[in-house]
N, C-alpha and C. Protein backbone atom coordinates (compact mmCIF):
# COMPACT_ATOMS: atom_id res chain seq x y z
N MET A 1 82.32 106.27 74.69
CA MET A 1 83.47 105.65 75.30
C MET A 1 83.23 104.15 75.50
N PHE A 2 82.06 103.80 76.05
CA PHE A 2 81.78 102.41 76.36
C PHE A 2 81.87 101.53 75.13
N TRP A 3 81.29 101.97 74.02
CA TRP A 3 81.22 101.10 72.83
C TRP A 3 82.58 100.85 72.22
N LYS A 4 83.48 101.81 72.28
CA LYS A 4 84.84 101.57 71.77
C LYS A 4 85.51 100.46 72.59
N LEU A 5 85.34 100.52 73.91
CA LEU A 5 85.93 99.49 74.77
C LEU A 5 85.23 98.15 74.59
N PHE A 6 83.91 98.19 74.45
CA PHE A 6 83.17 96.95 74.23
C PHE A 6 83.62 96.29 72.92
N ASN A 7 83.83 97.10 71.88
CA ASN A 7 84.33 96.55 70.61
C ASN A 7 85.69 95.89 70.80
N TYR A 8 86.56 96.53 71.60
CA TYR A 8 87.88 95.96 71.86
C TYR A 8 87.76 94.58 72.50
N ILE A 9 86.95 94.45 73.56
CA ILE A 9 86.85 93.16 74.23
C ILE A 9 86.04 92.15 73.41
N SER A 10 85.31 92.64 72.41
CA SER A 10 84.53 91.73 71.53
C SER A 10 85.36 91.22 70.36
N GLY A 11 86.63 91.62 70.29
CA GLY A 11 87.52 91.09 69.26
C GLY A 11 88.07 92.12 68.29
N LYS A 12 87.75 93.40 68.47
CA LYS A 12 88.31 94.42 67.60
C LYS A 12 89.68 94.82 68.17
N ASN A 13 90.63 93.88 68.02
CA ASN A 13 92.00 94.08 68.49
C ASN A 13 92.93 93.33 67.54
N ASP A 14 94.23 93.48 67.71
CA ASP A 14 95.17 92.91 66.75
C ASP A 14 95.14 91.39 66.69
N LYS A 15 94.63 90.74 67.73
CA LYS A 15 94.57 89.27 67.73
C LYS A 15 93.17 88.74 67.43
N LYS A 16 92.24 89.68 67.22
CA LYS A 16 90.84 89.32 66.97
C LYS A 16 90.34 88.35 68.05
N THR A 17 90.76 88.62 69.29
CA THR A 17 90.46 87.78 70.43
C THR A 17 89.40 88.43 71.31
N LYS A 18 88.42 87.63 71.75
CA LYS A 18 87.45 88.13 72.72
C LYS A 18 88.12 88.13 74.09
N VAL A 19 87.96 89.23 74.81
CA VAL A 19 88.53 89.40 76.14
C VAL A 19 87.37 89.53 77.12
N PRO A 20 87.31 88.69 78.15
CA PRO A 20 86.19 88.79 79.10
C PRO A 20 86.13 90.17 79.75
N MET A 21 84.91 90.67 79.95
CA MET A 21 84.73 91.95 80.64
C MET A 21 84.94 91.72 82.13
N THR A 22 85.66 92.63 82.75
CA THR A 22 85.97 92.53 84.17
C THR A 22 85.49 93.78 84.90
N ALA A 23 85.60 93.77 86.21
CA ALA A 23 85.28 94.93 87.02
C ALA A 23 86.57 95.40 87.68
N PRO A 24 86.72 96.67 87.93
CA PRO A 24 85.71 97.68 87.74
C PRO A 24 85.75 98.27 86.35
N VAL A 25 84.71 99.01 86.03
CA VAL A 25 84.75 99.95 84.91
C VAL A 25 85.11 101.27 85.57
N SER A 26 86.21 101.87 85.17
CA SER A 26 86.63 103.11 85.81
C SER A 26 86.45 104.29 84.87
N VAL A 27 86.30 105.46 85.47
CA VAL A 27 86.19 106.70 84.71
C VAL A 27 87.18 107.69 85.32
N PHE A 28 88.13 108.15 84.51
CA PHE A 28 89.11 109.15 84.91
C PHE A 28 88.46 110.50 84.66
N ILE A 29 88.41 111.35 85.69
CA ILE A 29 87.70 112.63 85.60
C ILE A 29 88.70 113.76 85.73
N GLU A 30 88.77 114.58 84.69
CA GLU A 30 89.59 115.79 84.74
C GLU A 30 88.61 116.94 84.95
N PRO A 31 88.52 117.46 86.19
CA PRO A 31 87.53 118.50 86.49
C PRO A 31 87.73 119.74 85.63
N ALA A 32 86.61 120.36 85.29
CA ALA A 32 86.64 121.60 84.52
C ALA A 32 87.23 122.72 85.37
N SER A 33 87.82 123.71 84.71
CA SER A 33 88.49 124.77 85.45
C SER A 33 87.57 125.95 85.76
N GLY A 34 86.37 125.96 85.25
CA GLY A 34 85.47 127.07 85.51
C GLY A 34 84.02 126.63 85.53
N PRO A 35 83.11 127.52 85.87
CA PRO A 35 81.71 127.14 86.00
C PRO A 35 81.04 126.72 84.69
N ASN A 36 81.52 127.18 83.56
CA ASN A 36 80.90 126.85 82.28
C ASN A 36 81.72 125.87 81.45
N CYS A 37 82.80 125.34 82.02
CA CYS A 37 83.64 124.39 81.30
C CYS A 37 83.18 122.97 81.60
N GLU A 38 83.31 122.09 80.62
CA GLU A 38 82.93 120.70 80.82
C GLU A 38 84.15 119.88 81.24
N SER A 39 83.90 118.94 82.14
CA SER A 39 84.96 118.03 82.56
C SER A 39 85.27 117.07 81.42
N THR A 40 86.46 116.48 81.45
CA THR A 40 86.87 115.48 80.48
C THR A 40 86.85 114.12 81.17
N PHE A 41 86.39 113.09 80.46
CA PHE A 41 86.23 111.76 81.03
C PHE A 41 87.01 110.74 80.21
N THR A 42 87.63 109.77 80.90
CA THR A 42 88.30 108.64 80.27
C THR A 42 87.77 107.37 80.90
N MET A 43 87.19 106.50 80.11
CA MET A 43 86.64 105.24 80.62
C MET A 43 87.65 104.13 80.41
N ALA A 44 87.70 103.19 81.38
CA ALA A 44 88.65 102.07 81.28
C ALA A 44 88.00 100.76 81.70
N PHE A 45 88.36 99.71 80.98
CA PHE A 45 88.07 98.33 81.36
C PHE A 45 89.40 97.73 81.79
N TYR A 46 89.36 96.62 82.51
CA TYR A 46 90.58 95.98 82.97
C TYR A 46 90.84 94.69 82.22
N VAL A 47 92.11 94.46 81.96
CA VAL A 47 92.53 93.26 81.26
C VAL A 47 92.61 92.12 82.28
N PRO A 48 91.89 91.01 82.05
CA PRO A 48 91.93 89.89 82.99
C PRO A 48 93.35 89.31 83.09
N ALA A 49 93.61 88.63 84.20
CA ALA A 49 94.94 88.08 84.48
C ALA A 49 95.45 87.19 83.35
N ALA A 50 94.57 86.42 82.72
CA ALA A 50 94.99 85.50 81.66
C ALA A 50 95.56 86.24 80.44
N PHE A 51 95.27 87.52 80.31
CA PHE A 51 95.73 88.31 79.15
C PHE A 51 96.82 89.31 79.52
N GLN A 52 97.26 89.33 80.78
CA GLN A 52 98.22 90.33 81.22
C GLN A 52 99.57 90.24 80.51
N ASP A 53 100.08 89.03 80.29
CA ASP A 53 101.40 88.88 79.69
C ASP A 53 101.41 89.09 78.19
N ASP A 54 100.28 88.86 77.54
CA ASP A 54 100.20 88.98 76.08
C ASP A 54 98.90 89.69 75.72
N THR A 55 98.79 90.95 76.11
CA THR A 55 97.57 91.73 75.94
C THR A 55 97.33 92.06 74.47
N PRO A 56 96.14 91.73 73.94
CA PRO A 56 95.82 92.14 72.56
C PRO A 56 95.86 93.67 72.45
N GLN A 57 96.45 94.16 71.40
CA GLN A 57 96.57 95.60 71.20
C GLN A 57 95.34 96.14 70.48
N PRO A 58 94.87 97.32 70.87
CA PRO A 58 93.70 97.92 70.22
C PRO A 58 93.99 98.26 68.76
N THR A 59 92.98 98.17 67.93
CA THR A 59 93.12 98.56 66.52
C THR A 59 92.28 99.81 66.23
N GLU A 60 91.43 100.20 67.14
CA GLU A 60 90.58 101.38 66.95
C GLU A 60 91.27 102.60 67.53
N SER A 61 91.21 103.73 66.81
CA SER A 61 91.86 104.94 67.31
C SER A 61 91.17 105.39 68.59
N GLY A 62 91.95 105.96 69.48
CA GLY A 62 91.42 106.45 70.74
C GLY A 62 91.36 105.41 71.84
N VAL A 63 91.73 104.17 71.54
CA VAL A 63 91.76 103.12 72.56
C VAL A 63 93.22 102.82 72.86
N THR A 64 93.60 102.86 74.13
CA THR A 64 95.00 102.65 74.52
C THR A 64 95.09 101.63 75.64
N ILE A 65 96.29 101.13 75.88
CA ILE A 65 96.57 100.23 77.00
C ILE A 65 97.40 101.03 78.01
N GLU A 66 96.98 101.03 79.28
CA GLU A 66 97.70 101.75 80.33
C GLU A 66 97.74 100.91 81.58
N GLU A 67 98.65 101.27 82.51
CA GLU A 67 98.70 100.63 83.83
C GLU A 67 98.17 101.63 84.85
N CYS A 68 97.36 101.13 85.79
CA CYS A 68 96.73 102.00 86.79
C CYS A 68 96.87 101.41 88.18
N GLN A 69 96.70 102.27 89.21
CA GLN A 69 96.74 101.84 90.60
C GLN A 69 95.45 102.29 91.29
N SER A 70 94.96 101.52 92.25
CA SER A 70 93.78 101.91 93.00
C SER A 70 94.17 102.39 94.39
N SER A 71 93.25 103.15 95.04
CA SER A 71 93.64 103.78 96.28
C SER A 71 92.64 103.75 97.43
N ARG A 72 91.37 104.04 97.21
CA ARG A 72 90.41 104.14 98.32
C ARG A 72 89.08 103.52 97.93
N THR A 73 88.53 102.68 98.82
CA THR A 73 87.27 102.01 98.56
C THR A 73 86.15 102.65 99.35
N CYS A 74 84.97 102.76 98.72
CA CYS A 74 83.77 103.28 99.37
C CYS A 74 82.57 102.51 98.85
N GLY A 75 81.48 102.52 99.59
CA GLY A 75 80.30 101.76 99.20
C GLY A 75 79.16 102.64 98.74
N GLY A 76 78.02 102.02 98.49
CA GLY A 76 76.81 102.75 98.11
C GLY A 76 76.80 103.16 96.65
N PHE A 77 75.80 103.95 96.30
CA PHE A 77 75.71 104.51 94.94
C PHE A 77 76.54 105.77 94.91
N SER A 78 77.20 106.01 93.80
CA SER A 78 78.09 107.15 93.69
C SER A 78 77.43 108.27 92.88
N ASN A 79 77.85 109.48 93.18
CA ASN A 79 77.50 110.65 92.39
C ASN A 79 78.65 111.64 92.53
N ASP A 80 78.54 112.79 91.91
CA ASP A 80 79.63 113.75 91.91
C ASP A 80 80.00 114.18 93.32
N ARG A 81 79.02 114.44 94.17
CA ARG A 81 79.29 114.87 95.54
C ARG A 81 80.04 113.79 96.31
N VAL A 82 79.60 112.53 96.17
CA VAL A 82 80.24 111.42 96.88
C VAL A 82 81.67 111.22 96.41
N THR A 83 81.91 111.21 95.09
CA THR A 83 83.28 110.99 94.61
C THR A 83 84.20 112.13 95.02
N GLN A 84 83.70 113.37 95.01
CA GLN A 84 84.54 114.49 95.44
C GLN A 84 84.87 114.39 96.92
N GLN A 85 83.89 113.97 97.75
CA GLN A 85 84.15 113.81 99.18
C GLN A 85 85.15 112.68 99.43
N GLU A 86 85.01 111.58 98.72
CA GLU A 86 85.95 110.46 98.89
C GLU A 86 87.35 110.85 98.40
N ARG A 87 87.42 111.65 97.34
CA ARG A 87 88.73 112.13 96.88
C ARG A 87 89.37 112.98 97.97
N GLN A 88 88.58 113.84 98.62
CA GLN A 88 89.10 114.66 99.72
C GLN A 88 89.53 113.77 100.88
N ASN A 89 88.73 112.75 101.21
CA ASN A 89 89.09 111.82 102.29
C ASN A 89 90.41 111.11 101.98
N LEU A 90 90.58 110.70 100.73
CA LEU A 90 91.82 110.05 100.32
C LEU A 90 92.99 111.02 100.48
N PHE A 91 92.85 112.24 99.99
CA PHE A 91 93.92 113.23 100.10
C PHE A 91 94.28 113.47 101.56
N ASP A 92 93.25 113.60 102.42
CA ASP A 92 93.50 113.85 103.85
C ASP A 92 94.24 112.70 104.50
N SER A 93 94.07 111.47 104.00
CA SER A 93 94.70 110.30 104.60
C SER A 93 96.15 110.12 104.16
N LEU A 94 96.60 110.87 103.15
CA LEU A 94 97.97 110.73 102.66
C LEU A 94 98.98 111.33 103.63
N ALA A 95 100.17 110.76 103.62
CA ALA A 95 101.28 111.35 104.37
C ALA A 95 101.64 112.68 103.74
N GLU A 96 102.21 113.58 104.52
CA GLU A 96 102.52 114.93 104.02
C GLU A 96 103.38 114.89 102.76
N GLU A 97 104.39 114.00 102.73
CA GLU A 97 105.25 113.95 101.53
C GLU A 97 104.49 113.44 100.31
N ASP A 98 103.50 112.56 100.52
CA ASP A 98 102.70 112.06 99.41
C ASP A 98 101.73 113.12 98.88
N LYS A 99 101.27 114.00 99.76
CA LYS A 99 100.37 115.08 99.34
C LYS A 99 101.05 115.99 98.33
N GLN A 100 102.37 116.07 98.40
CA GLN A 100 103.12 116.93 97.47
C GLN A 100 103.15 116.34 96.05
N LEU A 101 102.86 115.04 95.92
CA LEU A 101 102.95 114.36 94.63
C LEU A 101 101.67 114.41 93.82
N VAL A 102 100.55 114.80 94.44
CA VAL A 102 99.27 114.81 93.74
C VAL A 102 98.66 116.20 93.80
N ASN A 103 97.79 116.49 92.85
CA ASN A 103 97.06 117.74 92.82
C ASN A 103 95.71 117.50 93.48
N GLN A 104 95.48 118.15 94.62
CA GLN A 104 94.27 117.90 95.40
C GLN A 104 92.99 118.16 94.59
N THR A 105 93.02 119.10 93.67
CA THR A 105 91.82 119.42 92.88
C THR A 105 91.95 118.97 91.43
N GLY A 106 93.00 118.22 91.12
CA GLY A 106 93.25 117.79 89.75
C GLY A 106 92.49 116.54 89.36
N PRO A 107 92.86 115.96 88.25
CA PRO A 107 92.19 114.76 87.74
C PRO A 107 92.26 113.60 88.71
N TYR A 108 91.25 112.74 88.65
CA TYR A 108 91.18 111.56 89.50
C TYR A 108 90.34 110.50 88.80
N TYR A 109 90.36 109.29 89.33
CA TYR A 109 89.55 108.20 88.80
C TYR A 109 88.40 107.90 89.75
N TYR A 110 87.29 107.50 89.19
CA TYR A 110 86.20 106.85 89.92
C TYR A 110 86.07 105.47 89.30
N ALA A 111 86.01 104.42 90.12
CA ALA A 111 85.87 103.06 89.61
C ALA A 111 84.66 102.41 90.26
N GLY A 112 83.76 101.87 89.43
CA GLY A 112 82.59 101.17 89.93
C GLY A 112 82.69 99.69 89.61
N TYR A 113 82.49 98.84 90.59
CA TYR A 113 82.65 97.40 90.42
C TYR A 113 81.33 96.68 90.16
N ASP A 114 80.22 97.30 90.46
CA ASP A 114 78.94 96.58 90.46
C ASP A 114 78.01 97.04 89.35
N PRO A 115 77.14 96.12 88.89
CA PRO A 115 76.14 96.51 87.89
C PRO A 115 75.11 97.45 88.52
N PRO A 116 74.43 98.25 87.71
CA PRO A 116 73.49 99.24 88.26
C PRO A 116 72.33 98.63 89.05
N PHE A 117 71.99 97.39 88.79
CA PHE A 117 70.86 96.78 89.48
C PHE A 117 71.22 96.20 90.85
N LYS A 118 72.50 96.19 91.22
CA LYS A 118 72.89 95.72 92.55
C LYS A 118 72.63 96.87 93.53
N LEU A 119 71.79 96.62 94.54
CA LEU A 119 71.35 97.68 95.43
C LEU A 119 72.15 97.78 96.72
N PHE A 120 72.71 96.67 97.21
CA PHE A 120 73.38 96.68 98.50
C PHE A 120 74.82 96.16 98.36
N TYR A 121 75.65 96.54 99.32
CA TYR A 121 77.04 96.09 99.39
C TYR A 121 77.80 96.38 98.09
N ARG A 122 77.60 97.57 97.61
CA ARG A 122 78.27 98.00 96.39
C ARG A 122 79.72 98.37 96.70
N ARG A 123 80.58 98.28 95.70
CA ARG A 123 81.99 98.62 95.87
C ARG A 123 82.37 99.64 94.81
N ASN A 124 82.93 100.75 95.25
CA ASN A 124 83.43 101.82 94.39
C ASN A 124 84.81 102.20 94.89
N GLU A 125 85.60 102.82 94.05
CA GLU A 125 86.91 103.32 94.46
C GLU A 125 87.16 104.69 93.86
N VAL A 126 87.97 105.47 94.56
CA VAL A 126 88.46 106.75 94.07
C VAL A 126 89.97 106.65 94.07
N TRP A 127 90.58 107.04 92.94
CA TRP A 127 92.03 106.94 92.79
C TRP A 127 92.61 108.31 92.47
N MET A 128 93.72 108.66 93.10
CA MET A 128 94.45 109.87 92.75
C MET A 128 95.69 109.44 91.95
N ILE A 129 96.09 110.27 91.04
CA ILE A 129 97.20 109.95 90.14
C ILE A 129 98.36 110.89 90.43
N PRO A 130 99.58 110.35 90.58
CA PRO A 130 100.74 111.24 90.74
C PRO A 130 100.84 112.19 89.54
N GLN A 131 101.19 113.43 89.80
CA GLN A 131 101.27 114.43 88.73
C GLN A 131 102.22 114.00 87.61
N SER A 132 103.23 113.21 87.94
CA SER A 132 104.19 112.76 86.93
C SER A 132 103.57 111.80 85.92
N GLU A 133 102.39 111.24 86.22
CA GLU A 133 101.77 110.27 85.32
C GLU A 133 100.60 110.85 84.53
N LEU A 134 100.37 112.15 84.60
CA LEU A 134 99.24 112.76 83.91
C LEU A 134 99.63 113.18 82.50
N ASN A 135 99.51 112.23 81.55
CA ASN A 135 99.92 112.53 80.17
C ASN A 135 99.00 111.87 79.16
N LEU A 136 97.68 111.81 79.43
CA LEU A 136 96.74 111.18 78.50
C LEU A 136 96.50 112.07 77.29
N PRO A 137 96.53 111.52 76.07
CA PRO A 137 96.17 112.31 74.90
C PRO A 137 94.65 112.51 74.87
N LEU A 138 94.20 113.69 74.46
CA LEU A 138 92.78 114.02 74.44
C LEU A 138 92.26 114.06 73.02
N ASP A 139 91.10 113.43 72.80
CA ASP A 139 90.39 113.54 71.54
C ASP A 139 89.63 114.86 71.60
N ALA A 140 90.14 115.90 70.95
CA ALA A 140 89.61 117.25 71.08
C ALA A 140 88.14 117.36 70.68
N GLU A 141 87.69 116.53 69.76
CA GLU A 141 86.30 116.62 69.32
C GLU A 141 85.33 116.18 70.40
N SER A 142 85.62 115.12 71.11
CA SER A 142 84.64 114.57 72.04
C SER A 142 84.97 114.82 73.50
N GLN A 143 86.18 115.26 73.82
CA GLN A 143 86.67 115.40 75.19
C GLN A 143 86.52 114.09 75.95
N GLN A 144 86.72 112.96 75.24
CA GLN A 144 86.61 111.65 75.86
C GLN A 144 87.80 110.80 75.45
N HIS A 145 88.24 109.96 76.35
CA HIS A 145 89.29 108.99 76.10
C HIS A 145 88.71 107.61 76.31
N THR A 146 89.31 106.63 75.72
CA THR A 146 88.96 105.25 76.03
C THR A 146 90.25 104.50 76.29
N THR A 147 90.24 103.67 77.31
CA THR A 147 91.45 103.00 77.75
C THR A 147 91.14 101.57 78.14
N VAL A 148 92.06 100.69 77.86
CA VAL A 148 92.02 99.36 78.42
C VAL A 148 93.16 99.33 79.42
N ALA A 149 92.84 99.17 80.71
CA ALA A 149 93.84 99.34 81.76
C ALA A 149 94.33 98.00 82.27
N LYS A 150 95.61 97.97 82.67
CA LYS A 150 96.22 96.80 83.29
C LYS A 150 96.54 97.18 84.72
N PRO A 151 95.78 96.67 85.71
CA PRO A 151 96.04 97.05 87.10
C PRO A 151 97.40 96.55 87.56
N ILE A 152 98.07 97.37 88.37
CA ILE A 152 99.38 96.97 88.88
C ILE A 152 99.40 96.87 90.39
N SER A 153 98.30 97.19 91.09
CA SER A 153 98.22 96.96 92.53
C SER A 153 96.77 96.95 92.96
N SER A 154 96.54 96.52 94.20
CA SER A 154 95.18 96.50 94.73
C SER A 154 94.99 97.68 95.67
N CYS A 155 93.81 97.75 96.28
CA CYS A 155 93.48 98.87 97.17
C CYS A 155 94.44 98.95 98.34
N ASP A 156 94.82 100.16 98.69
CA ASP A 156 95.66 100.38 99.85
C ASP A 156 94.82 100.81 101.04
N GLU A 157 93.80 101.60 100.81
CA GLU A 157 92.99 102.20 101.87
C GLU A 157 91.59 101.63 101.77
N LYS A 158 91.01 101.20 102.87
CA LYS A 158 89.66 100.63 102.89
C LYS A 158 88.74 101.52 103.69
N ASN A 159 87.51 101.70 103.22
CA ASN A 159 86.45 102.38 103.92
C ASN A 159 85.25 101.47 103.82
N GLU A 160 84.85 100.83 104.88
CA GLU A 160 83.83 99.80 104.83
C GLU A 160 82.41 100.34 104.90
N SER A 161 82.20 101.66 104.94
CA SER A 161 80.83 102.17 104.99
C SER A 161 80.13 101.79 103.70
N ASP A 162 78.88 101.40 103.83
CA ASP A 162 78.12 100.96 102.67
C ASP A 162 76.67 101.39 102.80
N ASN A 163 76.18 102.08 101.76
CA ASN A 163 74.79 102.55 101.70
C ASN A 163 74.50 103.39 102.90
């Protein structure tokens, strides 16, 4: 997933333009439905503001442009247990009518803003997606997607705990 996106920002796009790498790098996680099933992952880079109005289009198959929203911030190093707990915290913080719009156990995003060597004051986010927006095409061979995302809003919910 990473290399397809890296190729895109390195100029493998319709304008042959280099696009600066930005943070976060996000991973959309579609949890497996059973104990022996594998989850599906979609990785995304973000298009910098200078390219928002005239975004270079991908030329490699499996790379798409999408718009995304962020929802909850958390600190420290992330793992499956942490992201699942933060997803639950986000769901619990929603208004009752908003809870009806998302699947509590369905797909979600994890977004990491920091390089792996940064040890303190890390920033991560967990995002829930309205069920009406869950329509990503799947590459059946790899169970992986690659996306170049255009953010359309900033964090709504803050959690300042760190490490």
